[in-house]
């Protein structure tokens, strides 16, 4: 491959990586630039034309982002439907279904694959001069890493969100129990949780309330909430509520029982982590702390033995 081709690959990789960062920042903010411009021009006496509003956008919003999304749509065309649904499901579990589409996610994978593959090609072919075989292997490894890094990041976000929900569940159940026993309905109690906190569980309760207001049955909205979280404790809590509603059991009693059980489970999880701590501490102690202690304690003795000639004399 000549120098022009290598430079072209580098430029394409840089453009795709820049598009990945720009679209990721824009998707995470959830702000529509056209609506922002409309709000800026809303106070004018004479309304601006749509062409003027569109031209007032930055170059990245008019050119780079549409090109990047076109690449993402092109990737979705050749992606099986089951993979798209699986990514949509994982985005829901990560709490990003409102800010990111599966097409954007696939576009990120393609951009990182090309960028990291081109970067590895340049580094290991031109800089280090590993040779054609090793350089090609390094390029393939870089491309594979770029393809799987978004998936690993998404799984990490899912795990962190589930941990946060699991930690927030006992406190939310306590507040639900207090509100229901004080005379509020279950929907009003969920509204209190939604007003008091701003975590993932409270936002999920707020979405349930919105779905109920739009006409969905409470049991269906709660089941959908449990499916969007995929947390076993939330699933058991929702199942108990649905069963209590079907059998006519008091919601306050069910909430009190569930609250006590979640407290016990949280205490058991804390005890389990405390029991695992000594085992996890052994690896850094053996690899990092013990060698340092040996150097500090035995180092002066070894130096003295070397200076006296005992070590050089064949004793050791």
C-alpha atoms as a PDB file:
ATOM      1  CA  UNK A   1       0.000   0.000   0.000  1.00  0.00           C
ATOM      2  CA  UNK A   2       1.455   3.403  -0.987  1.00  0.00           C
ATOM      3  CA  UNK A   3       1.725   6.507   1.147  1.00  0.00           C
ATOM      4  CA  UNK A   4      -1.412   8.109  -0.321  1.00  0.00           C
ATOM      5  CA  UNK A   5      -3.544   5.118   0.635  1.00  0.00           C
ATOM      6  CA  UNK A   6      -2.159   5.117   4.169  1.00  0.00           C
ATOM      7  CA  UNK A   7      -2.873   8.830   4.562  1.00  0.00           C
ATOM      8  CA  UNK A   8      -6.399   8.285   3.230  1.00  0.00           C
ATOM      9  CA  UNK A   9      -7.012   5.578   5.822  1.00  0.00           C
ATOM     10  CA  UNK A  10      -5.709   7.844   8.580  1.00  0.00           C
ATOM     11  CA  UNK A  11      -7.945  10.727   7.473  1.00  0.00           C
ATOM     12  CA  UNK A  12     -11.018   8.467   7.265  1.00  0.00           C
ATOM     13  CA  UNK A  13     -10.304   7.040  10.710  1.00  0.00           C
ATOM     14  CA  UNK A  14      -9.898  10.504  12.236  1.00  0.00           C
ATOM     15  CA  UNK A  15     -13.127  11.750  10.628  1.00  0.00           C
ATOM     16  CA  UNK A  16     -15.089   8.726  11.815  1.00  0.00           C
ATOM     17  CA  UNK A  17     -13.686   8.956  15.320  1.00  0.00           C
ATOM     18  CA  UNK A  18     -14.502  12.665  15.480  1.00  0.00           C
ATOM     19  CA  UNK A  19     -18.011  11.903  14.294  1.00  0.00           C
ATOM     20  CA  UNK A  20     -18.329   9.254  16.987  1.00  0.00           C
ATOM     21  CA  UNK A  21     -17.392  11.748  19.704  1.00  0.00           C
ATOM     22  CA  UNK A  22     -19.654  14.476  18.322  1.00  0.00           C
ATOM     23  CA  UNK A  23     -22.696  12.248  17.911  1.00  0.00           C
ATOM     24  CA  UNK A  24     -22.118  10.627  21.283  1.00  0.00           C
ATOM     25  CA  UNK A  25     -22.027  14.009  23.005  1.00  0.00           C
ATOM     26  CA  UNK A  26     -25.100  15.170  21.127  1.00  0.00           C
ATOM     27  CA  UNK A  27     -27.059  11.988  21.813  1.00  0.00           C
ATOM     28  CA  UNK A  28     -26.207  12.083  25.511  1.00  0.00           C
ATOM     29  CA  UNK A  29     -27.310  15.695  25.877  1.00  0.00           C
ATOM     30  CA  UNK A  30     -30.658  15.061  24.179  1.00  0.00           C
ATOM     31  CA  UNK A  31     -30.710  18.640  22.837  1.00  0.00           C
ATOM     32  CA  UNK A  32     -32.034  19.301  19.369  1.00  0.00           C
ATOM     33  CA  UNK A  33     -30.000  22.099  17.727  1.00  0.00           C
ATOM     34  CA  UNK A  34     -32.876  23.125  15.460  1.00  0.00           C
ATOM     35  CA  UNK A  35     -35.203  23.553  18.429  1.00  0.00           C
ATOM     36  CA  UNK A  36     -32.507  25.541  20.197  1.00  0.00           C
ATOM     37  CA  UNK A  37     -32.216  27.858  17.214  1.00  0.00           C
ATOM     38  CA  UNK A  38     -35.991  28.220  17.050  1.00  0.00           C
ATOM     39  CA  UNK A  39     -35.997  29.232  20.700  1.00  0.00           C
ATOM     40  CA  UNK A  40     -33.282  31.810  20.021  1.00  0.00           C
ATOM     41  CA  UNK A  41     -35.254  33.337  17.167  1.00  0.00           C
ATOM     42  CA  UNK A  42     -38.578  33.125  19.000  1.00  0.00           C
ATOM     43  CA  UNK A  43     -38.267  36.616  20.475  1.00  0.00           C
ATOM     44  CA  UNK A  44     -37.829  38.312  17.109  1.00  0.00           C
ATOM     45  CA  UNK A  45     -40.598  40.494  15.729  1.00  0.00           C
ATOM     46  CA  UNK A  46     -40.256  39.027  12.246  1.00  0.00           C
ATOM     47  CA  UNK A  47     -39.914  35.197  12.216  1.00  0.00           C
ATOM     48  CA  UNK A  48     -36.863  33.842  10.419  1.00  0.00           C
ATOM     49  CA  UNK A  49     -37.213  31.441   7.509  1.00  0.00           C
ATOM     50  CA  UNK A  50     -36.421  27.753   7.851  1.00  0.00           C
ATOM     51  CA  UNK A  51     -33.535  28.132   5.404  1.00  0.00           C
ATOM     52  CA  UNK A  52     -31.971  30.834   7.554  1.00  0.00           C
ATOM     53  CA  UNK A  53     -32.443  28.715  10.654  1.00  0.00           C
ATOM     54  CA  UNK A  54     -30.816  25.723   8.985  1.00  0.00           C
ATOM     55  CA  UNK A  55     -27.877  27.786   7.733  1.00  0.00           C
ATOM     56  CA  UNK A  56     -27.371  29.171  11.210  1.00  0.00           C
ATOM     57  CA  UNK A  57     -26.445  25.708  12.456  1.00  0.00           C
ATOM     58  CA  UNK A  58     -22.797  24.809  12.770  1.00  0.00           C
ATOM     59  CA  UNK A  59     -20.959  22.808  10.130  1.00  0.00           C
ATOM     60  CA  UNK A  60     -20.837  19.685  12.259  1.00  0.00           C
ATOM     61  CA  UNK A  61     -24.625  19.775  12.757  1.00  0.00           C
ATOM     62  CA  UNK A  62     -25.339  20.332   9.060  1.00  0.00           C
ATOM     63  CA  UNK A  63     -22.713  18.066   7.457  1.00  0.00           C
ATOM     64  CA  UNK A  64     -20.751  15.801   9.797  1.00  0.00           C
ATOM     65  CA  UNK A  65     -23.621  14.462  11.910  1.00  0.00           C
ATOM     66  CA  UNK A  66     -25.888  13.688   8.891  1.00  0.00           C
ATOM     67  CA  UNK A  67     -22.990  11.881   7.180  1.00  0.00           C
ATOM     68  CA  UNK A  68     -22.305   9.886  10.318  1.00  0.00           C
ATOM     69  CA  UNK A  69     -25.970   8.943  10.715  1.00  0.00           C
ATOM     70  CA  UNK A  70     -26.086   7.945   7.048  1.00  0.00           C
ATOM     71  CA  UNK A  71     -23.194   5.591   7.735  1.00  0.00           C
ATOM     72  CA  UNK A  72     -25.092   4.218  10.740  1.00  0.00           C
ATOM     73  CA  UNK A  73     -28.227   3.628   8.650  1.00  0.00           C
ATOM     74  CA  UNK A  74     -26.105   1.898   6.008  1.00  0.00           C
ATOM     75  CA  UNK A  75     -24.754  -0.436   8.697  1.00  0.00           C
ATOM     76  CA  UNK A  76     -28.261  -1.192   9.971  1.00  0.00           C
ATOM     77  CA  UNK A  77     -29.367  -2.306   6.498  1.00  0.00           C
ATOM     78  CA  UNK A  78     -26.903  -5.200   6.571  1.00  0.00           C
ATOM     79  CA  UNK A  79     -27.518  -6.102  10.215  1.00  0.00           C
ATOM     80  CA  UNK A  80     -29.908  -8.940  11.081  1.00  0.00           C
ATOM     81  CA  UNK A  81     -33.129  -7.905  12.758  1.00  0.00           C
ATOM     82  CA  UNK A  82     -32.499 -10.060  15.821  1.00  0.00           C
ATOM     83  CA  UNK A  83     -29.205  -8.239  16.487  1.00  0.00           C
ATOM     84  CA  UNK A  84     -30.960  -4.872  16.190  1.00  0.00           C
ATOM     85  CA  UNK A  85     -33.601  -5.984  18.673  1.00  0.00           C
ATOM     86  CA  UNK A  86     -30.915  -7.295  21.015  1.00  0.00           C
ATOM     87  CA  UNK A  87     -29.068  -3.976  20.922  1.00  0.00           C
ATOM     88  CA  UNK A  88     -32.339  -2.113  21.487  1.00  0.00           C
ATOM     89  CA  UNK A  89     -32.971  -4.357  24.478  1.00  0.00           C
ATOM     90  CA  UNK A  90     -29.505  -3.682  25.891  1.00  0.00           C
ATOM     91  CA  UNK A  91     -29.943   0.054  25.389  1.00  0.00           C
ATOM     92  CA  UNK A  92     -33.160  -0.155  27.410  1.00  0.00           C
ATOM     93  CA  UNK A  93     -31.354  -2.052  30.165  1.00  0.00           C
ATOM     94  CA  UNK A  94     -28.643   0.624  30.184  1.00  0.00           C
ATOM     95  CA  UNK A  95     -31.251   3.392  30.385  1.00  0.00           C
ATOM     96  CA  UNK A  96     -30.172   4.922  27.066  1.00  0.00           C
ATOM     97  CA  UNK A  97     -33.139   4.039  24.889  1.00  0.00           C
ATOM     98  CA  UNK A  98     -34.328   7.669  24.918  1.00  0.00           C
ATOM     99  CA  UNK A  99     -30.957   9.152  23.929  1.00  0.00           C
ATOM    100  CA  UNK A 100     -29.461   6.568  21.564  1.00  0.00           C
ATOM    101  CA  UNK A 101     -30.832   4.477  18.737  1.00  0.00           C
ATOM    102  CA  UNK A 102     -29.512   1.090  17.581  1.00  0.00           C
ATOM    103  CA  UNK A 103     -28.377   2.725  14.338  1.00  0.00           C
ATOM    104  CA  UNK A 104     -26.157   5.136  16.274  1.00  0.00           C
ATOM    105  CA  UNK A 105     -24.691   2.251  18.250  1.00  0.00           C
ATOM    106  CA  UNK A 106     -23.828   0.301  15.106  1.00  0.00           C
ATOM    107  CA  UNK A 107     -22.341   3.466  13.638  1.00  0.00           C
ATOM    108  CA  UNK A 108     -20.089   3.743  16.685  1.00  0.00           C
ATOM    109  CA  UNK A 109     -18.943   0.164  16.228  1.00  0.00           C
ATOM    110  CA  UNK A 110     -18.076   0.746  12.569  1.00  0.00           C
ATOM    111  CA  UNK A 111     -16.290   4.018  13.330  1.00  0.00           C
ATOM    112  CA  UNK A 112     -14.197   2.519  16.125  1.00  0.00           C
ATOM    113  CA  UNK A 113     -13.425  -0.559  14.026  1.00  0.00           C
ATOM    114  CA  UNK A 114     -12.085   1.509  11.133  1.00  0.00           C
ATOM    115  CA  UNK A 115     -10.330   4.051  13.357  1.00  0.00           C
ATOM    116  CA  UNK A 116      -8.565   1.547  15.607  1.00  0.00           C
ATOM    117  CA  UNK A 117      -7.746  -0.735  12.688  1.00  0.00           C
ATOM    118  CA  UNK A 118      -6.223   2.163  10.728  1.00  0.00           C
ATOM    119  CA  UNK A 119      -4.388   3.396  13.831  1.00  0.00           C
ATOM    120  CA  UNK A 120      -2.925  -0.044  14.520  1.00  0.00           C
ATOM    121  CA  UNK A 121      -1.932  -0.353  10.845  1.00  0.00           C
ATOM    122  CA  UNK A 122      -0.065   2.954  10.912  1.00  0.00           C
ATOM    123  CA  UNK A 123       1.633   2.276  14.250  1.00  0.00           C
ATOM    124  CA  UNK A 124       2.770  -1.274  13.612  1.00  0.00           C
ATOM    125  CA  UNK A 125       3.544  -0.952   9.902  1.00  0.00           C
ATOM    126  CA  UNK A 126       5.166   2.469   9.745  1.00  0.00           C
ATOM    127  CA  UNK A 127       6.341   3.375  13.243  1.00  0.00           C
ATOM    128  CA  UNK A 128       7.520   0.095  14.736  1.00  0.00           C
ATOM    129  CA  UNK A 129       8.108  -1.797  11.458  1.00  0.00           C
ATOM    130  CA  UNK A 130       7.053  -5.179  12.816  1.00  0.00           C
ATOM    131  CA  UNK A 131       6.868  -6.765   9.420  1.00  0.00           C
ATOM    132  CA  UNK A 132       3.877  -7.695   7.254  1.00  0.00           C
ATOM    133  CA  UNK A 133       2.681 -10.714   9.255  1.00  0.00           C
ATOM    134  CA  UNK A 134       2.892  -9.188  12.733  1.00  0.00           C
ATOM    135  CA  UNK A 135       1.605  -5.860  11.461  1.00  0.00           C
ATOM    136  CA  UNK A 136      -1.414  -7.497   9.857  1.00  0.00           C
ATOM    137  CA  UNK A 137      -2.153  -9.427  13.059  1.00  0.00           C
ATOM    138  CA  UNK A 138      -1.898  -6.217  15.096  1.00  0.00           C
ATOM    139  CA  UNK A 139      -4.215  -4.457  12.648  1.00  0.00           C
ATOM    140  CA  UNK A 140      -6.793  -7.218  12.930  1.00  0.00           C
ATOM    141  CA  UNK A 141      -6.539  -7.150  16.725  1.00  0.00           C
ATOM    142  CA  UNK A 142      -7.049  -3.377  16.747  1.00  0.00           C
ATOM    143  CA  UNK A 143     -10.081  -3.647  14.479  1.00  0.00           C
ATOM    144  CA  UNK A 144     -11.580  -6.404  16.643  1.00  0.00           C
ATOM    145  CA  UNK A 145     -11.041  -4.308  19.769  1.00  0.00           C
ATOM    146  CA  UNK A 146     -12.721  -1.357  18.106  1.00  0.00           C
ATOM    147  CA  UNK A 147     -15.657  -3.558  17.150  1.00  0.00           C
ATOM    148  CA  UNK A 148     -16.190  -4.940  20.656  1.00  0.00           C
ATOM    149  CA  UNK A 149     -15.362  -1.897  22.810  1.00  0.00           C
ATOM    150  CA  UNK A 150     -18.872  -0.335  22.466  1.00  0.00           C
ATOM    151  CA  UNK A 151     -20.431  -3.667  23.473  1.00  0.00           C
ATOM    152  CA  UNK A 152     -18.210  -3.926  26.539  1.00  0.00           C
ATOM    153  CA  UNK A 153     -18.963  -0.341  27.462  1.00  0.00           C
ATOM    154  CA  UNK A 154     -22.701  -0.958  27.091  1.00  0.00           C
ATOM    155  CA  UNK A 155     -22.541  -4.051  29.299  1.00  0.00           C
ATOM    156  CA  UNK A 156     -20.618  -2.073  31.902  1.00  0.00           C
ATOM    157  CA  UNK A 157     -23.312   0.621  31.865  1.00  0.00           C
ATOM    158  CA  UNK A 158     -26.002  -2.038  32.281  1.00  0.00           C
ATOM    159  CA  UNK A 159     -24.191  -3.532  35.260  1.00  0.00           C
ATOM    160  CA  UNK A 160     -23.710  -0.138  36.921  1.00  0.00           C
ATOM    161  CA  UNK A 161     -27.359   0.789  36.405  1.00  0.00           C
ATOM    162  CA  UNK A 162     -28.576  -2.498  37.853  1.00  0.00           C
ATOM    163  CA  UNK A 163     -26.325  -2.036  40.890  1.00  0.00           C
ATOM    164  CA  UNK A 164     -27.687   1.463  41.458  1.00  0.00           C
ATOM    165  CA  UNK A 165     -31.266   0.193  41.210  1.00  0.00           C
ATOM    166  CA  UNK A 166     -30.507  -2.634  43.602  1.00  0.00           C
ATOM    167  CA  UNK A 167     -29.045  -0.225  46.154  1.00  0.00           C
ATOM    168  CA  UNK A 168     -31.915   2.258  45.830  1.00  0.00           C
ATOM    169  CA  UNK A 169     -34.705  -0.322  46.044  1.00  0.00           C
ATOM    170  CA  UNK A 170     -34.847  -0.774  49.878  1.00  0.00           C
ATOM    171  CA  UNK A 171     -35.087   2.978  50.526  1.00  0.00           C
ATOM    172  CA  UNK A 172     -37.737   3.369  47.832  1.00  0.00           C
ATOM    173  CA  UNK A 173     -39.759   0.510  49.337  1.00  0.00           C
ATOM    174  CA  UNK A 174     -39.537   2.122  52.777  1.00  0.00           C
ATOM    175  CA  UNK A 175     -40.904   5.386  51.394  1.00  0.00           C
ATOM    176  CA  UNK A 176     -43.642   3.551  49.491  1.00  0.00           C
ATOM    177  CA  UNK A 177     -44.619   1.692  52.648  1.00  0.00           C
ATOM    178  CA  UNK A 178     -44.760   4.865  54.739  1.00  0.00           C
ATOM    179  CA  UNK A 179     -46.830   6.715  52.127  1.00  0.00           C
ATOM    180  CA  UNK A 180     -49.308   3.874  51.629  1.00  0.00           C
ATOM    181  CA  UNK A 181     -49.720   3.289  55.363  1.00  0.00           C
ATOM    182  CA  UNK A 182     -50.309   7.037  55.762  1.00  0.00           C
ATOM    183  CA  UNK A 183     -53.318   6.803  53.464  1.00  0.00           C
ATOM    184  CA  UNK A 184     -51.972   7.566  49.993  1.00  0.00           C
ATOM    185  CA  UNK A 185     -52.679   5.396  46.988  1.00  0.00           C
ATOM    186  CA  UNK A 186     -49.953   3.369  45.362  1.00  0.00           C
ATOM    187  CA  UNK A 187     -49.677   5.729  42.379  1.00  0.00           C
ATOM    188  CA  UNK A 188     -49.401   8.752  44.687  1.00  0.00           C
ATOM    189  CA  UNK A 189     -46.726   6.908  46.680  1.00  0.00           C
ATOM    190  CA  UNK A 190     -44.740   6.276  43.488  1.00  0.00           C
ATOM    191  CA  UNK A 191     -45.150   9.958  42.704  1.00  0.00           C
ATOM    192  CA  UNK A 192     -43.561  10.820  46.059  1.00  0.00           C
ATOM    193  CA  UNK A 193     -40.592   8.579  45.252  1.00  0.00           C
ATOM    194  CA  UNK A 194     -40.289  10.242  41.851  1.00  0.00           C
ATOM    195  CA  UNK A 195     -40.350  13.702  43.454  1.00  0.00           C
ATOM    196  CA  UNK A 196     -37.883  12.898  46.239  1.00  0.00           C
ATOM    197  CA  UNK A 197     -35.089  11.188  44.302  1.00  0.00           C
ATOM    198  CA  UNK A 198     -33.446  11.532  40.920  1.00  0.00           C
ATOM    199  CA  UNK A 199     -31.968   8.057  40.442  1.00  0.00           C
ATOM    200  CA  UNK A 200     -32.790   5.393  37.855  1.00  0.00           C
ATOM    201  CA  UNK A 201     -35.428   3.725  40.022  1.00  0.00           C
ATOM    202  CA  UNK A 202     -37.282   6.981  40.644  1.00  0.00           C
ATOM    203  CA  UNK A 203     -37.192   7.788  36.921  1.00  0.00           C
ATOM    204  CA  UNK A 204     -38.597   4.318  36.219  1.00  0.00           C
ATOM    205  CA  UNK A 205     -41.454   5.000  38.650  1.00  0.00           C
ATOM    206  CA  UNK A 206     -42.103   8.268  36.882  1.00  0.00           C
ATOM    207  CA  UNK A 207     -42.322   6.483  33.554  1.00  0.00           C
ATOM    208  CA  UNK A 208     -44.769   3.988  35.046  1.00  0.00           C
ATOM    209  CA  UNK A 209     -46.973   6.863  36.209  1.00  0.00           C
ATOM    210  CA  UNK A 210     -46.893   8.412  32.745  1.00  0.00           C
ATOM    211  CA  UNK A 211     -47.871   5.119  31.137  1.00  0.00           C
ATOM    212  CA  UNK A 212     -50.747   4.703  33.607  1.00  0.00           C
ATOM    213  CA  UNK A 213     -51.974   8.210  32.809  1.00  0.00           C
ATOM    214  CA  UNK A 214     -51.905   7.321  29.111  1.00  0.00           C
ATOM    215  CA  UNK A 215     -54.258   4.394  29.720  1.00  0.00           C
ATOM    216  CA  UNK A 216     -52.004   1.393  30.361  1.00  0.00           C
ATOM    217  CA  UNK A 217     -52.979  -0.954  33.147  1.00  0.00           C
ATOM    218  CA  UNK A 218     -50.913  -0.680  36.290  1.00  0.00           C
ATOM    219  CA  UNK A 219     -49.904  -4.338  36.247  1.00  0.00           C
ATOM    220  CA  UNK A 220     -48.702  -4.095  32.628  1.00  0.00           C
ATOM    221  CA  UNK A 221     -46.778  -0.891  33.325  1.00  0.00           C
ATOM    222  CA  UNK A 222     -45.068  -2.490  36.322  1.00  0.00           C
ATOM    223  CA  UNK A 223     -44.179  -5.616  34.346  1.00  0.00           C
ATOM    224  CA  UNK A 224     -42.708  -3.476  31.579  1.00  0.00           C
ATOM    225  CA  UNK A 225     -40.683  -1.581  34.190  1.00  0.00           C
ATOM    226  CA  UNK A 226     -39.279  -4.844  35.558  1.00  0.00           C
ATOM    227  CA  UNK A 227     -38.442  -5.999  32.029  1.00  0.00           C
ATOM    228  CA  UNK A 228     -36.572  -2.733  31.332  1.00  0.00           C
ATOM    229  CA  UNK A 229     -34.433  -3.257  34.452  1.00  0.00           C
ATOM    230  CA  UNK A 230     -33.864  -7.039  34.511  1.00  0.00           C
ATOM    231  CA  UNK A 231     -33.123  -6.960  38.263  1.00  0.00           C
ATOM    232  CA  UNK A 232     -34.340 -10.087  40.132  1.00  0.00           C
ATOM    233  CA  UNK A 233     -35.384  -8.132  43.236  1.00  0.00           C
ATOM    234  CA  UNK A 234     -37.466  -5.696  41.186  1.00  0.00           C
ATOM    235  CA  UNK A 235     -39.039  -8.597  39.280  1.00  0.00           C
ATOM    236  CA  UNK A 236     -40.063 -10.338  42.531  1.00  0.00           C
ATOM    237  CA  UNK A 237     -41.387  -7.053  43.928  1.00  0.00           C
ATOM    238  CA  UNK A 238     -43.514  -6.430  40.845  1.00  0.00           C
ATOM    239  CA  UNK A 239     -44.769 -10.028  40.846  1.00  0.00           C
ATOM    240  CA  UNK A 240     -45.848  -9.660  44.489  1.00  0.00           C
ATOM    241  CA  UNK A 241     -47.690  -6.424  43.717  1.00  0.00           C
ATOM    242  CA  UNK A 242     -49.476  -7.895  40.707  1.00  0.00           C
ATOM    243  CA  UNK A 243     -50.480 -10.969  42.674  1.00  0.00           C
ATOM    244  CA  UNK A 244     -51.744  -8.821  45.548  1.00  0.00           C
ATOM    245  CA  UNK A 245     -53.811  -6.764  43.117  1.00  0.00           C
ATOM    246  CA  UNK A 246     -55.335  -9.873  41.577  1.00  0.00           C
ATOM    247  CA  UNK A 247     -56.138 -11.509  44.926  1.00  0.00           C
ATOM    248  CA  UNK A 248     -57.278  -8.348  46.667  1.00  0.00           C
ATOM    249  CA  UNK A 249     -54.594  -8.398  49.352  1.00  0.00           C
ATOM    250  CA  UNK A 250     -53.674  -5.169  51.116  1.00  0.00           C
ATOM    251  CA  UNK A 251     -50.929  -3.293  49.244  1.00  0.00           C
ATOM    252  CA  UNK A 252     -49.579  -1.860  52.493  1.00  0.00           C
ATOM    253  CA  UNK A 253     -49.023  -5.344  53.920  1.00  0.00           C
ATOM    254  CA  UNK A 254     -47.254  -6.519  50.784  1.00  0.00           C
ATOM    255  CA  UNK A 255     -45.045  -3.426  50.759  1.00  0.00           C
ATOM    256  CA  UNK A 256     -44.125  -3.953  54.407  1.00  0.00           C
ATOM    257  CA  UNK A 257     -43.140  -7.569  53.744  1.00  0.00           C
ATOM    258  CA  UNK A 258     -41.173  -6.664  50.611  1.00  0.00           C
ATOM    259  CA  UNK A 259     -39.401  -3.842  52.438  1.00  0.00           C
ATOM    260  CA  UNK A 260     -38.284  -6.161  55.235  1.00  0.00           C
ATOM    261  CA  UNK A 261     -37.101  -8.774  52.739  1.00  0.00           C
ATOM    262  CA  UNK A 262     -35.103  -6.223  50.725  1.00  0.00           C
ATOM    263  CA  UNK A 263     -33.430  -4.998  53.898  1.00  0.00           C
ATOM    264  CA  UNK A 264     -32.436  -8.553  54.802  1.00  0.00           C
ATOM    265  CA  UNK A 265     -31.129  -9.181  51.275  1.00  0.00           C
ATOM    266  CA  UNK A 266     -29.080  -5.987  51.325  1.00  0.00           C
ATOM    267  CA  UNK A 267     -27.540  -7.000  54.645  1.00  0.00           C
ATOM    268  CA  UNK A 268     -26.735 -10.439  53.256  1.00  0.00           C
ATOM    269  CA  UNK A 269     -25.103  -8.935  50.157  1.00  0.00           C
ATOM    270  CA  UNK A 270     -22.990  -6.678  52.354  1.00  0.00           C
ATOM    271  CA  UNK A 271     -21.895  -9.665  54.458  1.00  0.00           C
ATOM    272  CA  UNK A 272     -21.076 -11.628  51.312  1.00  0.00           C
ATOM    273  CA  UNK A 273     -18.865  -8.825  49.998  1.00  0.00           C
ATOM    274  CA  UNK A 274     -17.174  -8.557  53.378  1.00  0.00           C
ATOM    275  CA  UNK A 275     -16.361 -12.278  53.256  1.00  0.00           C
ATOM    276  CA  UNK A 276     -14.953 -11.902  49.737  1.00  0.00           C
ATOM    277  CA  UNK A 277     -12.706  -8.973  50.678  1.00  0.00           C
ATOM    278  CA  UNK A 278      -9.794 -11.019  52.170  1.00  0.00           C
ATOM    279  CA  UNK A 279      -9.642 -13.239  49.087  1.00  0.00           C
ATOM    280  CA  UNK A 280      -9.608 -10.224  46.752  1.00  0.00           C
ATOM    281  CA  UNK A 281      -6.910  -8.553  48.859  1.00  0.00           C
ATOM    282  CA  UNK A 282      -4.546 -11.511  48.495  1.00  0.00           C
ATOM    283  CA  UNK A 283      -3.634 -10.731  44.870  1.00  0.00           C
ATOM    284  CA  UNK A 284      -2.380  -7.156  45.422  1.00  0.00           C
ATOM    285  CA  UNK A 285      -0.747  -8.194  48.701  1.00  0.00           C
ATOM    286  CA  UNK A 286       1.206 -11.045  47.112  1.00  0.00           C
ATOM    287  CA  UNK A 287       2.156  -9.165  43.949  1.00  0.00           C
ATOM    288  CA  UNK A 288       2.713  -5.655  45.302  1.00  0.00           C
ATOM    289  CA  UNK A 289       2.947  -5.395  49.086  1.00  0.00           C
ATOM    290  CA  UNK A 290       4.971  -8.502  49.972  1.00  0.00           C
ATOM    291  CA  UNK A 291       7.757  -7.856  47.413  1.00  0.00           C
ATOM    292  CA  UNK A 292       8.130  -4.307  48.721  1.00  0.00           C
ATOM    293  CA  UNK A 293       8.370  -5.572  52.307  1.00  0.00           C
ATOM    294  CA  UNK A 294      10.975  -8.158  51.287  1.00  0.00           C
ATOM    295  CA  UNK A 295      13.051  -5.511  49.528  1.00  0.00           C
ATOM    296  CA  UNK A 296      12.914  -3.201  52.562  1.00  0.00           C
ATOM    297  CA  UNK A 297      13.724  -5.945  55.085  1.00  0.00           C
ATOM    298  CA  UNK A 298      16.202  -8.075  53.140  1.00  0.00           C
ATOM    299  CA  UNK A 299      17.787  -5.389  50.970  1.00  0.00           C
ATOM    300  CA  UNK A 300      20.252  -4.041  53.602  1.00  0.00           C
ATOM    301  CA  UNK A 301      21.277  -7.583  54.575  1.00  0.00           C
ATOM    302  CA  UNK A 302      22.026  -8.487  50.954  1.00  0.00           C
ATOM    303  CA  UNK A 303      24.088  -5.314  50.536  1.00  0.00           C
ATOM    304  CA  UNK A 304      26.097  -6.108  53.687  1.00  0.00           C
ATOM    305  CA  UNK A 305      26.724  -9.659  52.500  1.00  0.00           C
ATOM    306  CA  UNK A 306      27.925  -8.398  49.123  1.00  0.00           C
ATOM    307  CA  UNK A 307      30.267  -5.855  50.709  1.00  0.00           C
ATOM    308  CA  UNK A 308      31.808  -8.446  53.059  1.00  0.00           C
ATOM    309  CA  UNK A 309      32.403 -10.825  50.161  1.00  0.00           C
ATOM    310  CA  UNK A 310      30.289 -13.659  51.552  1.00  0.00           C
ATOM    311  CA  UNK A 311      27.993 -13.707  48.561  1.00  0.00           C
ATOM    312  CA  UNK A 312      30.877 -13.511  46.091  1.00  0.00           C
ATOM    313  CA  UNK A 313      32.809 -16.154  47.951  1.00  0.00           C
ATOM    314  CA  UNK A 314      30.439 -18.893  46.935  1.00  0.00           C
ATOM    315  CA  UNK A 315      28.367 -19.214  50.106  1.00  0.00           C
ATOM    316  CA  UNK A 316      25.188 -18.502  48.114  1.00  0.00           C
END
